[in-house]
């Protein structure tokens, strides 16, 4: 299991610090998802309320 980490603020985990340099802005809720291409570039951030269909459409563009 994973330990709780911060995604905003002074104690932001290093992964989220990096993700937010790629697509700036605070993460509104902890179920945000990031789409990363095969080169390791962050393509898009999806908020929790975005549908799986929207994520699938963006994913299909990368395949």
PDB file of N, CA and C in Angstrom:
ATOM      1  N   UNK A   1       0.840  -1.180   0.000  1.00  0.00           N
ATOM      2  CA  UNK A   1       0.000   0.000   0.000  1.00  0.00           C
ATOM      3  C   UNK A   1       0.880   1.235   0.000  1.00  0.00           C
ATOM      4  N   UNK A   2       0.286   2.297  -0.424  1.00  0.00           N
ATOM      5  CA  UNK A   2       0.994   3.565  -0.495  1.00  0.00           C
ATOM      6  C   UNK A   2       0.687   4.418   0.721  1.00  0.00           C
ATOM      7  N   UNK A   3       1.628   5.253   1.074  1.00  0.00           N
ATOM      8  CA  UNK A   3       1.407   6.210   2.151  1.00  0.00           C
ATOM      9  C   UNK A   3       0.762   7.460   1.565  1.00  0.00           C
ATOM     10  N   UNK A   4       0.095   8.206   2.417  1.00  0.00           N
ATOM     11  CA  UNK A   4      -0.511   9.455   1.991  1.00  0.00           C
ATOM     12  C   UNK A   4       0.606  10.444   1.645  1.00  0.00           C
ATOM     13  N   UNK A   5       0.422  11.161   0.524  1.00  0.00           N
ATOM     14  CA  UNK A   5       1.364  12.199   0.137  1.00  0.00           C
ATOM     15  C   UNK A   5       0.597  13.472  -0.171  1.00  0.00           C
ATOM     16  N   UNK A   6       1.291  14.594  -0.118  1.00  0.00           N
ATOM     17  CA  UNK A   6       0.675  15.873  -0.466  1.00  0.00           C
ATOM     18  C   UNK A   6       0.869  16.137  -1.951  1.00  0.00           C
ATOM     19  N   UNK A   7      -0.166  16.706  -2.573  1.00  0.00           N
ATOM     20  CA  UNK A   7      -0.086  17.047  -3.985  1.00  0.00           C
ATOM     21  C   UNK A   7      -0.041  18.557  -4.190  1.00  0.00           C
ATOM     22  N   UNK A   8      -0.249  19.326  -3.139  1.00  0.00           N
ATOM     23  CA  UNK A   8      -0.177  20.786  -3.160  1.00  0.00           C
ATOM     24  C   UNK A   8       0.517  21.253  -1.888  1.00  0.00           C
ATOM     25  N   UNK A   9       0.996  22.475  -1.913  1.00  0.00           N
ATOM     26  CA  UNK A   9       1.554  23.080  -0.711  1.00  0.00           C
ATOM     27  C   UNK A   9       3.040  22.837  -0.532  1.00  0.00           C
ATOM     28  N   UNK A  10       3.521  23.187   0.666  1.00  0.00           N
ATOM     29  CA  UNK A  10       4.951  23.130   0.973  1.00  0.00           C
ATOM     30  C   UNK A  10       5.511  21.710   0.975  1.00  0.00           C
ATOM     31  N   UNK A  11       4.688  20.723   1.256  1.00  0.00           N
ATOM     32  CA  UNK A  11       5.151  19.337   1.363  1.00  0.00           C
ATOM     33  C   UNK A  11       4.788  18.496   0.143  1.00  0.00           C
ATOM     34  N   UNK A  12       4.602  19.135  -1.009  1.00  0.00           N
ATOM     35  CA  UNK A  12       4.229  18.414  -2.227  1.00  0.00           C
ATOM     36  C   UNK A  12       5.276  17.348  -2.557  1.00  0.00           C
ATOM     37  N   UNK A  13       4.801  16.148  -2.845  1.00  0.00           N
ATOM     38  CA  UNK A  13       5.685  15.037  -3.210  1.00  0.00           C
ATOM     39  C   UNK A  13       6.440  15.376  -4.498  1.00  0.00           C
ATOM     40  N   UNK A  14       7.684  14.916  -4.640  1.00  0.00           N
ATOM     41  CA  UNK A  14       8.495  15.242  -5.827  1.00  0.00           C
ATOM     42  C   UNK A  14       7.820  14.907  -7.159  1.00  0.00           C
ATOM     43  N   UNK A  15       7.128  13.799  -7.241  1.00  0.00           N
ATOM     44  CA  UNK A  15       6.438  13.455  -8.487  1.00  0.00           C
ATOM     45  C   UNK A  15       5.449  14.550  -8.877  1.00  0.00           C
ATOM     46  N   UNK A  16       4.655  15.009  -7.920  1.00  0.00           N
ATOM     47  CA  UNK A  16       3.652  16.028  -8.211  1.00  0.00           C
ATOM     48  C   UNK A  16       4.291  17.389  -8.433  1.00  0.00           C
ATOM     49  N   UNK A  17       5.421  17.656  -7.817  1.00  0.00           N
ATOM     50  CA  UNK A  17       6.147  18.890  -8.123  1.00  0.00           C
ATOM     51  C   UNK A  17       6.519  18.896  -9.598  1.00  0.00           C
ATOM     52  N   UNK A  18       7.046  17.773 -10.084  1.00  0.00           N
ATOM     53  CA  UNK A  18       7.431  17.676 -11.489  1.00  0.00           C
ATOM     54  C   UNK A  18       6.217  17.759 -12.407  1.00  0.00           C
ATOM     55  N   UNK A  19       5.155  17.014 -12.092  1.00  0.00           N
ATOM     56  CA  UNK A  19       3.963  17.035 -12.938  1.00  0.00           C
ATOM     57  C   UNK A  19       3.414  18.451 -13.063  1.00  0.00           C
ATOM     58  N   UNK A  20       3.440  19.186 -11.961  1.00  0.00           N
ATOM     59  CA  UNK A  20       2.887  20.543 -11.992  1.00  0.00           C
ATOM     60  C   UNK A  20       3.818  21.536 -12.680  1.00  0.00           C
ATOM     61  N   UNK A  21       5.081  21.193 -12.902  1.00  0.00           N
ATOM     62  CA  UNK A  21       5.924  22.046 -13.747  1.00  0.00           C
ATOM     63  C   UNK A  21       5.577  21.829 -15.210  1.00  0.00           C
ATOM     64  N   UNK A  22       5.080  20.651 -15.541  1.00  0.00           N
ATOM     65  CA  UNK A  22       4.717  20.330 -16.918  1.00  0.00           C
ATOM     66  C   UNK A  22       3.366  20.924 -17.296  1.00  0.00           C
ATOM     67  N   UNK A  23       2.416  20.844 -16.387  1.00  0.00           N
ATOM     68  CA  UNK A  23       1.088  21.449 -16.564  1.00  0.00           C
ATOM     69  C   UNK A  23       0.802  22.207 -15.266  1.00  0.00           C
ATOM     70  N   UNK A  24       1.094  23.509 -15.258  1.00  0.00           N
ATOM     71  CA  UNK A  24       0.994  24.286 -14.012  1.00  0.00           C
ATOM     72  C   UNK A  24      -0.417  24.343 -13.442  1.00  0.00           C
ATOM     73  N   UNK A  25      -0.455  24.527 -12.140  1.00  0.00           N
ATOM     74  CA  UNK A  25      -1.715  24.705 -11.440  1.00  0.00           C
ATOM     75  C   UNK A  25      -1.859  23.723 -10.299  1.00  0.00           C
ATOM     76  N   UNK A  26      -2.591  24.155  -9.286  1.00  0.00           N
ATOM     77  CA  UNK A  26      -2.860  23.265  -8.162  1.00  0.00           C
ATOM     78  C   UNK A  26      -3.791  22.150  -8.592  1.00  0.00           C
ATOM     79  N   UNK A  27      -3.648  21.020  -7.948  1.00  0.00           N
ATOM     80  CA  UNK A  27      -4.518  19.878  -8.192  1.00  0.00           C
ATOM     81  C   UNK A  27      -5.709  20.024  -7.251  1.00  0.00           C
ATOM     82  N   UNK A  28      -6.897  20.090  -7.819  1.00  0.00           N
ATOM     83  CA  UNK A  28      -8.087  20.346  -7.031  1.00  0.00           C
ATOM     84  C   UNK A  28      -8.501  19.203  -6.131  1.00  0.00           C
ATOM     85  N   UNK A  29      -8.170  17.993  -6.516  1.00  0.00           N
ATOM     86  CA  UNK A  29      -8.575  16.833  -5.742  1.00  0.00           C
ATOM     87  C   UNK A  29      -7.612  15.708  -6.062  1.00  0.00           C
ATOM     88  N   UNK A  30      -7.473  14.739  -5.181  1.00  0.00           N
ATOM     89  CA  UNK A  30      -6.409  13.746  -5.323  1.00  0.00           C
ATOM     90  C   UNK A  30      -6.651  12.668  -6.378  1.00  0.00           C
ATOM     91  N   UNK A  31      -7.719  12.742  -7.135  1.00  0.00           N
ATOM     92  CA  UNK A  31      -7.935  11.750  -8.185  1.00  0.00           C
ATOM     93  C   UNK A  31      -7.687  12.333  -9.578  1.00  0.00           C
ATOM     94  N   UNK A  32      -6.898  13.393  -9.651  1.00  0.00           N
ATOM     95  CA  UNK A  32      -6.486  13.914 -10.953  1.00  0.00           C
ATOM     96  C   UNK A  32      -5.625  12.857 -11.639  1.00  0.00           C
ATOM     97  N   UNK A  33      -5.723  12.805 -12.960  1.00  0.00           N
ATOM     98  CA  UNK A  33      -4.954  11.831 -13.725  1.00  0.00           C
ATOM     99  C   UNK A  33      -4.120  12.576 -14.758  1.00  0.00           C
ATOM    100  N   UNK A  34      -2.936  12.059 -15.022  1.00  0.00           N
ATOM    101  CA  UNK A  34      -2.048  12.658 -16.015  1.00  0.00           C
ATOM    102  C   UNK A  34      -1.810  11.656 -17.128  1.00  0.00           C
ATOM    103  N   UNK A  35      -1.836  12.165 -18.355  1.00  0.00           N
ATOM    104  CA  UNK A  35      -1.526  11.345 -19.519  1.00  0.00           C
ATOM    105  C   UNK A  35      -0.103  11.680 -19.948  1.00  0.00           C
ATOM    106  N   UNK A  36       0.751  10.653 -19.993  1.00  0.00           N
ATOM    107  CA  UNK A  36       2.165  10.816 -20.328  1.00  0.00           C
ATOM    108  C   UNK A  36       2.446   9.990 -21.577  1.00  0.00           C
ATOM    109  N   UNK A  37       3.111  10.599 -22.557  1.00  0.00           N
ATOM    110  CA  UNK A  37       3.384   9.862 -23.792  1.00  0.00           C
ATOM    111  C   UNK A  37       4.608   8.963 -23.639  1.00  0.00           C
ATOM    112  N   UNK A  38       4.960   8.260 -24.698  1.00  0.00           N
ATOM    113  CA  UNK A  38       6.054   7.287 -24.644  1.00  0.00           C
ATOM    114  C   UNK A  38       7.423   7.936 -24.462  1.00  0.00           C
ATOM    115  N   UNK A  39       7.505   9.244 -24.659  1.00  0.00           N
ATOM    116  CA  UNK A  39       8.761   9.974 -24.459  1.00  0.00           C
ATOM    117  C   UNK A  39       8.862  10.537 -23.038  1.00  0.00           C
ATOM    118  N   UNK A  40       7.855  10.273 -22.226  1.00  0.00           N
ATOM    119  CA  UNK A  40       7.853  10.780 -20.856  1.00  0.00           C
ATOM    120  C   UNK A  40       7.368  12.211 -20.734  1.00  0.00           C
ATOM    121  N   UNK A  41       6.724  12.715 -21.776  1.00  0.00           N
ATOM    122  CA  UNK A  41       6.194  14.075 -21.756  1.00  0.00           C
ATOM    123  C   UNK A  41       4.745  14.053 -21.284  1.00  0.00           C
ATOM    124  N   UNK A  42       4.419  14.967 -20.391  1.00  0.00           N
ATOM    125  CA  UNK A  42       3.040  15.075 -19.901  1.00  0.00           C
ATOM    126  C   UNK A  42       2.219  15.742 -20.992  1.00  0.00           C
ATOM    127  N   UNK A  43       1.175  15.053 -21.429  1.00  0.00           N
ATOM    128  CA  UNK A  43       0.346  15.529 -22.526  1.00  0.00           C
ATOM    129  C   UNK A  43      -0.875  16.285 -22.012  1.00  0.00           C
ATOM    130  N   UNK A  44      -1.485  15.768 -20.955  1.00  0.00           N
ATOM    131  CA  UNK A  44      -2.731  16.376 -20.481  1.00  0.00           C
ATOM    132  C   UNK A  44      -2.986  15.952 -19.046  1.00  0.00           C
ATOM    133  N   UNK A  45      -3.681  16.831 -18.316  1.00  0.00           N
ATOM    134  CA  UNK A  45      -4.149  16.494 -16.975  1.00  0.00           C
ATOM    135  C   UNK A  45      -5.665  16.416 -17.023  1.00  0.00           C
ATOM    136  N   UNK A  46      -6.211  15.393 -16.391  1.00  0.00           N
ATOM    137  CA  UNK A  46      -7.653  15.194 -16.335  1.00  0.00           C
ATOM    138  C   UNK A  46      -8.126  15.371 -14.901  1.00  0.00           C
ATOM    139  N   UNK A  47      -9.124  16.209 -14.726  1.00  0.00           N
ATOM    140  CA  UNK A  47      -9.725  16.382 -13.407  1.00  0.00           C
ATOM    141  C   UNK A  47     -10.590  15.175 -13.077  1.00  0.00           C
ATOM    142  N   UNK A  48     -10.881  14.955 -11.793  1.00  0.00           N
ATOM    143  CA  UNK A  48     -11.633  13.761 -11.385  1.00  0.00           C
ATOM    144  C   UNK A  48     -12.991  13.602 -12.068  1.00  0.00           C
ATOM    145  N   UNK A  49     -13.648  14.709 -12.390  1.00  0.00           N
ATOM    146  CA  UNK A  49     -14.989  14.596 -12.976  1.00  0.00           C
ATOM    147  C   UNK A  49     -14.979  14.275 -14.467  1.00  0.00           C
ATOM    148  N   UNK A  50     -13.809  14.270 -15.098  1.00  0.00           N
ATOM    149  CA  UNK A  50     -13.761  13.931 -16.522  1.00  0.00           C
ATOM    150  C   UNK A  50     -14.045  12.444 -16.709  1.00  0.00           C
ATOM    151  N   UNK A  51     -14.761  12.142 -17.777  1.00  0.00           N
ATOM    152  CA  UNK A  51     -15.229  10.775 -18.005  1.00  0.00           C
ATOM    153  C   UNK A  51     -14.119   9.876 -18.557  1.00  0.00           C
ATOM    154  N   UNK A  52     -14.253   8.578 -18.344  1.00  0.00           N
ATOM    155  CA  UNK A  52     -13.313   7.645 -18.960  1.00  0.00           C
ATOM    156  C   UNK A  52     -13.293   7.766 -20.481  1.00  0.00           C
ATOM    157  N   UNK A  53     -14.422   8.132 -21.067  1.00  0.00           N
ATOM    158  CA  UNK A  53     -14.484   8.299 -22.525  1.00  0.00           C
ATOM    159  C   UNK A  53     -13.581   9.455 -22.985  1.00  0.00           C
ATOM    160  N   UNK A  54     -13.550  10.536 -22.222  1.00  0.00           N
ATOM    161  CA  UNK A  54     -12.686  11.670 -22.577  1.00  0.00           C
ATOM    162  C   UNK A  54     -11.214  11.270 -22.471  1.00  0.00           C
ATOM    163  N   UNK A  55     -10.905  10.517 -21.458  1.00  0.00           N
ATOM    164  CA  UNK A  55      -9.529  10.044 -21.295  1.00  0.00           C
ATOM    165  C   UNK A  55      -9.173   9.081 -22.432  1.00  0.00           C
ATOM    166  N   UNK A  56     -10.086   8.188 -22.757  1.00  0.00           N
ATOM    167  CA  UNK A  56      -9.865   7.230 -23.844  1.00  0.00           C
ATOM    168  C   UNK A  56      -9.653   7.912 -25.178  1.00  0.00           C
ATOM    169  N   UNK A  57     -10.400   8.984 -25.445  1.00  0.00           N
ATOM    170  CA  UNK A  57     -10.235   9.714 -26.705  1.00  0.00           C
ATOM    171  C   UNK A  57      -8.849  10.333 -26.796  1.00  0.00           C
ATOM    172  N   UNK A  58      -8.370  10.907 -25.676  1.00  0.00           N
ATOM    173  CA  UNK A  58      -7.032  11.496 -25.667  1.00  0.00           C
ATOM    174  C   UNK A  58      -5.961  10.419 -25.793  1.00  0.00           C
ATOM    175  N   UNK A  59      -6.194   9.283 -25.192  1.00  0.00           N
ATOM    176  CA  UNK A  59      -5.250   8.175 -25.261  1.00  0.00           C
ATOM    177  C   UNK A  59      -5.157   7.635 -26.687  1.00  0.00           C
ATOM    178  N   UNK A  60      -6.275   7.540 -27.349  1.00  0.00           N
ATOM    179  CA  UNK A  60      -6.295   7.018 -28.716  1.00  0.00           C
ATOM    180  C   UNK A  60      -5.446   7.883 -29.645  1.00  0.00           C
ATOM    181  N   UNK A  61      -5.389   9.187 -29.378  1.00  0.00           N
ATOM    182  CA  UNK A  61      -4.579  10.079 -30.216  1.00  0.00           C
ATOM    183  C   UNK A  61      -3.091   9.771 -30.123  1.00  0.00           C
ATOM    184  N   UNK A  62      -2.670   9.142 -29.016  1.00  0.00           N
ATOM    185  CA  UNK A  62      -1.252   8.842 -28.818  1.00  0.00           C
ATOM    186  C   UNK A  62      -0.841   7.483 -29.375  1.00  0.00           C
ATOM    187  N   UNK A  63      -1.809   6.635 -29.650  1.00  0.00           N
ATOM    188  CA  UNK A  63      -1.488   5.279 -30.109  1.00  0.00           C
ATOM    189  C   UNK A  63      -1.199   5.229 -31.605  1.00  0.00           C
TER     190      UNK A  63
END
